[in-house]
Amino acid sequence: MLKKKSSTKSFHVRVMTMDAELEFDLPWKATGRDLFDLVCRTIGLRETWYFGLQYEDCKGNISWLKRDKKVMKL
């Protein structure tokens, strides 16, 4: 049986919380919602309506991750 070569590319993401440092490999098309849901499942967070994810861009500006946008822009 031949294995299909994966055509989906992924990128590495590191999420830092107060308690842990989490690392994930996400597909290129992953949205902010995909990443947020993955983090919530990993840490067992139930009150998802109250939280969000922030990131620091290359210039040092801190912004909120938009859940409806792609995490990685091409």
PDB file of N, CA and C in Angstrom:
ATOM      1  N   MET A   1       0.842  -1.178   0.000  1.00  0.00           N
ATOM      2  CA  MET A   1       0.000   0.000   0.000  1.00  0.00           C
ATOM      3  C   MET A   1       0.888   1.243   0.000  1.00  0.00           C
ATOM      4  N   LEU A   2       0.612   2.148  -0.881  1.00  0.00           N
ATOM      5  CA  LEU A   2       1.389   3.377  -0.974  1.00  0.00           C
ATOM      6  C   LEU A   2       0.821   4.426  -0.043  1.00  0.00           C
ATOM      7  N   LYS A   3       1.698   5.147   0.609  1.00  0.00           N
ATOM      8  CA  LYS A   3       1.262   6.243   1.470  1.00  0.00           C
ATOM      9  C   LYS A   3       1.150   7.507   0.638  1.00  0.00           C
ATOM     10  N   LYS A   4       0.088   8.242   0.868  1.00  0.00           N
ATOM     11  CA  LYS A   4      -0.070   9.531   0.187  1.00  0.00           C
ATOM     12  C   LYS A   4       0.899  10.531   0.769  1.00  0.00           C
ATOM     13  N   LYS A   5       1.538  11.254  -0.109  1.00  0.00           N
ATOM     14  CA  LYS A   5       2.420  12.314   0.340  1.00  0.00           C
ATOM     15  C   LYS A   5       1.559  13.499   0.775  1.00  0.00           C
ATOM     16  N   SER A   6       1.787  13.975   1.962  1.00  0.00           N
ATOM     17  CA  SER A   6       0.973  15.072   2.480  1.00  0.00           C
ATOM     18  C   SER A   6       1.279  16.358   1.714  1.00  0.00           C
ATOM     19  N   SER A   7       0.237  16.930   1.142  1.00  0.00           N
ATOM     20  CA  SER A   7       0.423  18.172   0.393  1.00  0.00           C
ATOM     21  C   SER A   7       0.159  19.392   1.273  1.00  0.00           C
ATOM     22  N   THR A   8      -0.309  19.149   2.500  1.00  0.00           N
ATOM     23  CA  THR A   8      -0.586  20.273   3.393  1.00  0.00           C
ATOM     24  C   THR A   8       0.689  20.647   4.124  1.00  0.00           C
ATOM     25  N   LYS A   9       1.004  21.889   4.069  1.00  0.00           N
ATOM     26  CA  LYS A   9       2.180  22.384   4.767  1.00  0.00           C
ATOM     27  C   LYS A   9       1.745  22.892   6.133  1.00  0.00           C
ATOM     28  N   SER A  10       2.672  22.873   7.060  1.00  0.00           N
ATOM     29  CA  SER A  10       2.336  23.329   8.400  1.00  0.00           C
ATOM     30  C   SER A  10       3.415  24.279   8.910  1.00  0.00           C
ATOM     31  N   PHE A  11       3.109  24.945  10.010  1.00  0.00           N
ATOM     32  CA  PHE A  11       4.072  25.830  10.647  1.00  0.00           C
ATOM     33  C   PHE A  11       3.986  25.617  12.149  1.00  0.00           C
ATOM     34  N   HIS A  12       5.044  25.974  12.820  1.00  0.00           N
ATOM     35  CA  HIS A  12       5.179  25.750  14.249  1.00  0.00           C
ATOM     36  C   HIS A  12       4.684  26.971  15.025  1.00  0.00           C
ATOM     37  N   VAL A  13       3.925  26.727  16.103  1.00  0.00           N
ATOM     38  CA  VAL A  13       3.389  27.793  16.940  1.00  0.00           C
ATOM     39  C   VAL A  13       3.730  27.484  18.389  1.00  0.00           C
ATOM     40  N   ARG A  14       4.193  28.489  19.116  1.00  0.00           N
ATOM     41  CA  ARG A  14       4.448  28.359  20.548  1.00  0.00           C
ATOM     42  C   ARG A  14       3.503  29.296  21.280  1.00  0.00           C
ATOM     43  N   VAL A  15       2.752  28.751  22.226  1.00  0.00           N
ATOM     44  CA  VAL A  15       1.804  29.517  23.029  1.00  0.00           C
ATOM     45  C   VAL A  15       2.278  29.468  24.471  1.00  0.00           C
ATOM     46  N   MET A  16       2.437  30.645  25.054  1.00  0.00           N
ATOM     47  CA  MET A  16       2.890  30.716  26.436  1.00  0.00           C
ATOM     48  C   MET A  16       1.731  31.150  27.319  1.00  0.00           C
ATOM     49  N   THR A  17       1.459  30.357  28.363  1.00  0.00           N
ATOM     50  CA  THR A  17       0.438  30.700  29.344  1.00  0.00           C
ATOM     51  C   THR A  17       1.147  31.004  30.655  1.00  0.00           C
ATOM     52  N   MET A  18       0.374  31.321  31.672  1.00  0.00           N
ATOM     53  CA  MET A  18       0.965  31.568  32.987  1.00  0.00           C
ATOM     54  C   MET A  18       1.579  30.294  33.558  1.00  0.00           C
ATOM     55  N   ASP A  19       1.035  29.141  33.160  1.00  0.00           N
ATOM     56  CA  ASP A  19       1.458  27.870  33.737  1.00  0.00           C
ATOM     57  C   ASP A  19       2.327  27.014  32.838  1.00  0.00           C
ATOM     58  N   ALA A  20       2.256  27.209  31.536  1.00  0.00           N
ATOM     59  CA  ALA A  20       2.930  26.281  30.632  1.00  0.00           C
ATOM     60  C   ALA A  20       3.329  26.960  29.327  1.00  0.00           C
ATOM     61  N   GLU A  21       4.176  26.269  28.618  1.00  0.00           N
ATOM     62  CA  GLU A  21       4.556  26.674  27.265  1.00  0.00           C
ATOM     63  C   GLU A  21       4.131  25.540  26.343  1.00  0.00           C
ATOM     64  N   LEU A  22       3.202  25.816  25.443  1.00  0.00           N
ATOM     65  CA  LEU A  22       2.637  24.804  24.557  1.00  0.00           C
ATOM     66  C   LEU A  22       3.175  24.996  23.153  1.00  0.00           C
ATOM     67  N   GLU A  23       3.381  23.887  22.442  1.00  0.00           N
ATOM     68  CA  GLU A  23       3.863  23.960  21.063  1.00  0.00           C
ATOM     69  C   GLU A  23       2.959  23.113  20.178  1.00  0.00           C
ATOM     70  N   PHE A  24       2.605  23.666  19.023  1.00  0.00           N
ATOM     71  CA  PHE A  24       1.716  23.000  18.087  1.00  0.00           C
ATOM     72  C   PHE A  24       2.265  23.164  16.670  1.00  0.00           C
ATOM     73  N   ASP A  25       1.884  22.228  15.797  1.00  0.00           N
ATOM     74  CA  ASP A  25       2.103  22.363  14.362  1.00  0.00           C
ATOM     75  C   ASP A  25       0.732  22.534  13.738  1.00  0.00           C
ATOM     76  N   LEU A  26       0.531  23.675  13.095  1.00  0.00           N
ATOM     77  CA  LEU A  26      -0.758  23.991  12.480  1.00  0.00           C
ATOM     78  C   LEU A  26      -0.643  23.992  10.967  1.00  0.00           C
ATOM     79  N   PRO A  27      -1.719  23.606  10.278  1.00  0.00           N
ATOM     80  CA  PRO A  27      -1.714  23.729   8.812  1.00  0.00           C
ATOM     81  C   PRO A  27      -1.716  25.203   8.406  1.00  0.00           C
ATOM     82  N   TRP A  28      -1.229  25.486   7.209  1.00  0.00           N
ATOM     83  CA  TRP A  28      -1.131  26.864   6.722  1.00  0.00           C
ATOM     84  C   TRP A  28      -2.469  27.585   6.735  1.00  0.00           C
ATOM     85  N   LYS A  29      -3.547  26.862   6.538  1.00  0.00           N
ATOM     86  CA  LYS A  29      -4.864  27.488   6.446  1.00  0.00           C
ATOM     87  C   LYS A  29      -5.562  27.626   7.795  1.00  0.00           C
ATOM     88  N   ALA A  30      -4.895  27.323   8.892  1.00  0.00           N
ATOM     89  CA  ALA A  30      -5.518  27.378  10.219  1.00  0.00           C
ATOM     90  C   ALA A  30      -5.911  28.810  10.571  1.00  0.00           C
ATOM     91  N   THR A  31      -7.087  28.932  11.180  1.00  0.00           N
ATOM     92  CA  THR A  31      -7.573  30.244  11.609  1.00  0.00           C
ATOM     93  C   THR A  31      -7.273  30.445  13.089  1.00  0.00           C
ATOM     94  N   GLY A  32      -7.503  31.655  13.542  1.00  0.00           N
ATOM     95  CA  GLY A  32      -7.347  31.958  14.950  1.00  0.00           C
ATOM     96  C   GLY A  32      -8.251  31.092  15.806  1.00  0.00           C
ATOM     97  N   ARG A  33      -9.449  30.796  15.310  1.00  0.00           N
ATOM     98  CA  ARG A  33     -10.393  29.913  16.016  1.00  0.00           C
ATOM     99  C   ARG A  33      -9.800  28.515  16.187  1.00  0.00           C
ATOM    100  N   ASP A  34      -9.152  27.991  15.136  1.00  0.00           N
ATOM    101  CA  ASP A  34      -8.534  26.664  15.207  1.00  0.00           C
ATOM    102  C   ASP A  34      -7.470  26.614  16.307  1.00  0.00           C
ATOM    103  N   LEU A  35      -6.616  27.620  16.339  1.00  0.00           N
ATOM    104  CA  LEU A  35      -5.560  27.670  17.346  1.00  0.00           C
ATOM    105  C   LEU A  35      -6.146  27.849  18.741  1.00  0.00           C
ATOM    106  N   PHE A  36      -7.094  28.752  18.887  1.00  0.00           N
ATOM    107  CA  PHE A  36      -7.710  29.007  20.182  1.00  0.00           C
ATOM    108  C   PHE A  36      -8.393  27.747  20.719  1.00  0.00           C
ATOM    109  N   ASP A  37      -9.143  27.047  19.867  1.00  0.00           N
ATOM    110  CA  ASP A  37      -9.813  25.819  20.287  1.00  0.00           C
ATOM    111  C   ASP A  37      -8.805  24.751  20.703  1.00  0.00           C
ATOM    112  N   LEU A  38      -7.706  24.650  19.980  1.00  0.00           N
ATOM    113  CA  LEU A  38      -6.662  23.686  20.312  1.00  0.00           C
ATOM    114  C   LEU A  38      -6.042  23.991  21.674  1.00  0.00           C
ATOM    115  N   VAL A  39      -5.761  25.256  21.929  1.00  0.00           N
ATOM    116  CA  VAL A  39      -5.204  25.659  23.219  1.00  0.00           C
ATOM    117  C   VAL A  39      -6.203  25.369  24.339  1.00  0.00           C
ATOM    118  N   CYS A  40      -7.466  25.718  24.135  1.00  0.00           N
ATOM    119  CA  CYS A  40      -8.501  25.490  25.157  1.00  0.00           C
ATOM    120  C   CYS A  40      -8.652  24.008  25.485  1.00  0.00           C
ATOM    121  N   ARG A  41      -8.650  23.154  24.463  1.00  0.00           N
ATOM    122  CA  ARG A  41      -8.748  21.709  24.704  1.00  0.00           C
ATOM    123  C   ARG A  41      -7.524  21.190  25.449  1.00  0.00           C
ATOM    124  N   THR A  42      -6.354  21.694  25.098  1.00  0.00           N
ATOM    125  CA  THR A  42      -5.110  21.223  25.719  1.00  0.00           C
ATOM    126  C   THR A  42      -5.038  21.569  27.197  1.00  0.00           C
ATOM    127  N   ILE A  43      -5.451  22.773  27.557  1.00  0.00           N
ATOM    128  CA  ILE A  43      -5.357  23.173  28.969  1.00  0.00           C
ATOM    129  C   ILE A  43      -6.657  22.934  29.737  1.00  0.00           C
ATOM    130  N   GLY A  44      -7.699  22.459  29.056  1.00  0.00           N
ATOM    131  CA  GLY A  44      -8.960  22.151  29.720  1.00  0.00           C
ATOM    132  C   GLY A  44      -9.766  23.380  30.090  1.00  0.00           C
ATOM    133  N   LEU A  45      -9.676  24.423  29.296  1.00  0.00           N
ATOM    134  CA  LEU A  45     -10.390  25.663  29.568  1.00  0.00           C
ATOM    135  C   LEU A  45     -11.838  25.552  29.106  1.00  0.00           C
ATOM    136  N   ARG A  46     -12.761  25.867  30.003  1.00  0.00           N
ATOM    137  CA  ARG A  46     -14.186  25.805  29.659  1.00  0.00           C
ATOM    138  C   ARG A  46     -14.772  27.185  29.382  1.00  0.00           C
ATOM    139  N   GLU A  47     -14.299  28.197  30.071  1.00  0.00           N
ATOM    140  CA  GLU A  47     -14.850  29.554  29.928  1.00  0.00           C
ATOM    141  C   GLU A  47     -14.214  30.257  28.731  1.00  0.00           C
ATOM    142  N   THR A  48     -14.415  29.719  27.565  1.00  0.00           N
ATOM    143  CA  THR A  48     -13.744  30.231  26.369  1.00  0.00           C
ATOM    144  C   THR A  48     -14.228  31.619  25.973  1.00  0.00           C
ATOM    145  N   TRP A  49     -15.441  31.970  26.342  1.00  0.00           N
ATOM    146  CA  TRP A  49     -16.005  33.278  25.987  1.00  0.00           C
ATOM    147  C   TRP A  49     -15.253  34.417  26.658  1.00  0.00           C
ATOM    148  N   TYR A  50     -14.524  34.125  27.730  1.00  0.00           N
ATOM    149  CA  TYR A  50     -13.854  35.160  28.522  1.00  0.00           C
ATOM    150  C   TYR A  50     -12.416  35.416  28.073  1.00  0.00           C
ATOM    151  N   PHE A  51     -11.824  34.498  27.358  1.00  0.00           N
ATOM    152  CA  PHE A  51     -10.400  34.560  27.039  1.00  0.00           C
ATOM    153  C   PHE A  51     -10.140  34.744  25.551  1.00  0.00           C
ATOM    154  N   GLY A  52      -8.918  35.091  25.240  1.00  0.00           N
ATOM    155  CA  GLY A  52      -8.455  35.226  23.871  1.00  0.00           C
ATOM    156  C   GLY A  52      -6.959  34.996  23.839  1.00  0.00           C
ATOM    157  N   LEU A  53      -6.373  35.142  22.672  1.00  0.00           N
ATOM    158  CA  LEU A  53      -4.929  34.987  22.521  1.00  0.00           C
ATOM    159  C   LEU A  53      -4.328  36.291  22.013  1.00  0.00           C
ATOM    160  N   GLN A  54      -3.212  36.668  22.591  1.00  0.00           N
ATOM    161  CA  GLN A  54      -2.460  37.834  22.126  1.00  0.00           C
ATOM    162  C   GLN A  54      -1.173  37.359  21.469  1.00  0.00           C
ATOM    163  N   TYR A  55      -0.648  38.185  20.582  1.00  0.00           N
ATOM    164  CA  TYR A  55       0.634  37.879  19.965  1.00  0.00           C
ATOM    165  C   TYR A  55       1.455  39.153  19.859  1.00  0.00           C
ATOM    166  N   GLU A  56       2.748  38.967  19.721  1.00  0.00           N
ATOM    167  CA  GLU A  56       3.669  40.083  19.531  1.00  0.00           C
ATOM    168  C   GLU A  56       4.222  39.994  18.122  1.00  0.00           C
ATOM    169  N   ASP A  57       4.060  41.068  17.341  1.00  0.00           N
ATOM    170  CA  ASP A  57       4.558  41.040  15.968  1.00  0.00           C
ATOM    171  C   ASP A  57       6.060  41.341  15.940  1.00  0.00           C
ATOM    172  N   CYS A  58       6.617  41.365  14.745  1.00  0.00           N
ATOM    173  CA  CYS A  58       8.063  41.551  14.600  1.00  0.00           C
ATOM    174  C   CYS A  58       8.538  42.930  15.055  1.00  0.00           C
ATOM    175  N   LYS A  59       7.617  43.896  15.158  1.00  0.00           N
ATOM    176  CA  LYS A  59       7.973  45.238  15.618  1.00  0.00           C
ATOM    177  C   LYS A  59       7.787  45.396  17.124  1.00  0.00           C
ATOM    178  N   GLY A  60       7.302  44.351  17.791  1.00  0.00           N
ATOM    179  CA  GLY A  60       7.098  44.407  19.228  1.00  0.00           C
ATOM    180  C   GLY A  60       5.717  44.886  19.649  1.00  0.00           C
ATOM    181  N   ASN A  61       4.825  45.083  18.687  1.00  0.00           N
ATOM    182  CA  ASN A  61       3.448  45.491  19.005  1.00  0.00           C
ATOM    183  C   ASN A  61       2.631  44.281  19.440  1.00  0.00           C
ATOM    184  N   ILE A  62       1.816  44.452  20.467  1.00  0.00           N
ATOM    185  CA  ILE A  62       0.968  43.371  20.953  1.00  0.00           C
ATOM    186  C   ILE A  62      -0.458  43.598  20.469  1.00  0.00           C
ATOM    187  N   SER A  63      -1.049  42.542  19.889  1.00  0.00           N
ATOM    188  CA  SER A  63      -2.406  42.602  19.351  1.00  0.00           C
ATOM    189  C   SER A  63      -3.160  41.342  19.725  1.00  0.00           C
ATOM    190  N   TRP A  64      -4.486  41.406  19.624  1.00  0.00           N
ATOM    191  CA  TRP A  64      -5.312  40.234  19.844  1.00  0.00           C
ATOM    192  C   TRP A  64      -5.405  39.437  18.557  1.00  0.00           C
ATOM    193  N   LEU A  65      -5.313  38.126  18.668  1.00  0.00           N
ATOM    194  CA  LEU A  65      -5.462  37.250  17.514  1.00  0.00           C
ATOM    195  C   LEU A  65      -6.927  37.235  17.099  1.00  0.00           C
ATOM    196  N   LYS A  66      -7.195  37.504  15.841  1.00  0.00           N
ATOM    197  CA  LYS A  66      -8.568  37.507  15.323  1.00  0.00           C
ATOM    198  C   LYS A  66      -8.956  36.069  14.975  1.00  0.00           C
ATOM    199  N   ARG A  67     -10.071  35.628  15.526  1.00  0.00           N
ATOM    200  CA  ARG A  67     -10.469  34.231  15.388  1.00  0.00           C
ATOM    201  C   ARG A  67     -10.927  33.888  13.979  1.00  0.00           C
ATOM    202  N   ASP A  68     -11.377  34.848  13.207  1.00  0.00           N
ATOM    203  CA  ASP A  68     -11.879  34.562  11.870  1.00  0.00           C
ATOM    204  C   ASP A  68     -10.812  34.724  10.781  1.00  0.00           C
ATOM    205  N   LYS A  69      -9.599  35.112  11.157  1.00  0.00           N
ATOM    206  CA  LYS A  69      -8.525  35.311  10.184  1.00  0.00           C
ATOM    207  C   LYS A  69      -7.516  34.179  10.264  1.00  0.00           C
ATOM    208  N   LYS A  70      -6.758  33.983   9.191  1.00  0.00           N
ATOM    209  CA  LYS A  70      -5.698  32.986   9.188  1.00  0.00           C
ATOM    210  C   LYS A  70      -4.598  33.397  10.162  1.00  0.00           C
ATOM    211  N   VAL A  71      -4.040  32.413  10.839  1.00  0.00           N
ATOM    212  CA  VAL A  71      -2.946  32.687  11.771  1.00  0.00           C
ATOM    213  C   VAL A  71      -1.698  33.103  10.995  1.00  0.00           C
ATOM    214  N   MET A  72      -1.404  32.370   9.933  1.00  0.00           N
ATOM    215  CA  MET A  72      -0.219  32.642   9.126  1.00  0.00           C
ATOM    216  C   MET A  72      -0.642  33.261   7.811  1.00  0.00           C
ATOM    217  N   LYS A  73      -0.180  34.469   7.555  1.00  0.00           N
ATOM    218  CA  LYS A  73      -0.478  35.121   6.280  1.00  0.00           C
ATOM    219  C   LYS A  73       0.595  34.723   5.276  1.00  0.00           C
ATOM    220  N   LEU A  74       0.168  34.413   4.070  1.00  0.00           N
ATOM    221  CA  LEU A  74       1.128  33.994   3.022  1.00  0.00           C
ATOM    222  C   LEU A  74       1.806  35.164   2.392  1.00  0.00           C
TER     223      LEU A  74
END
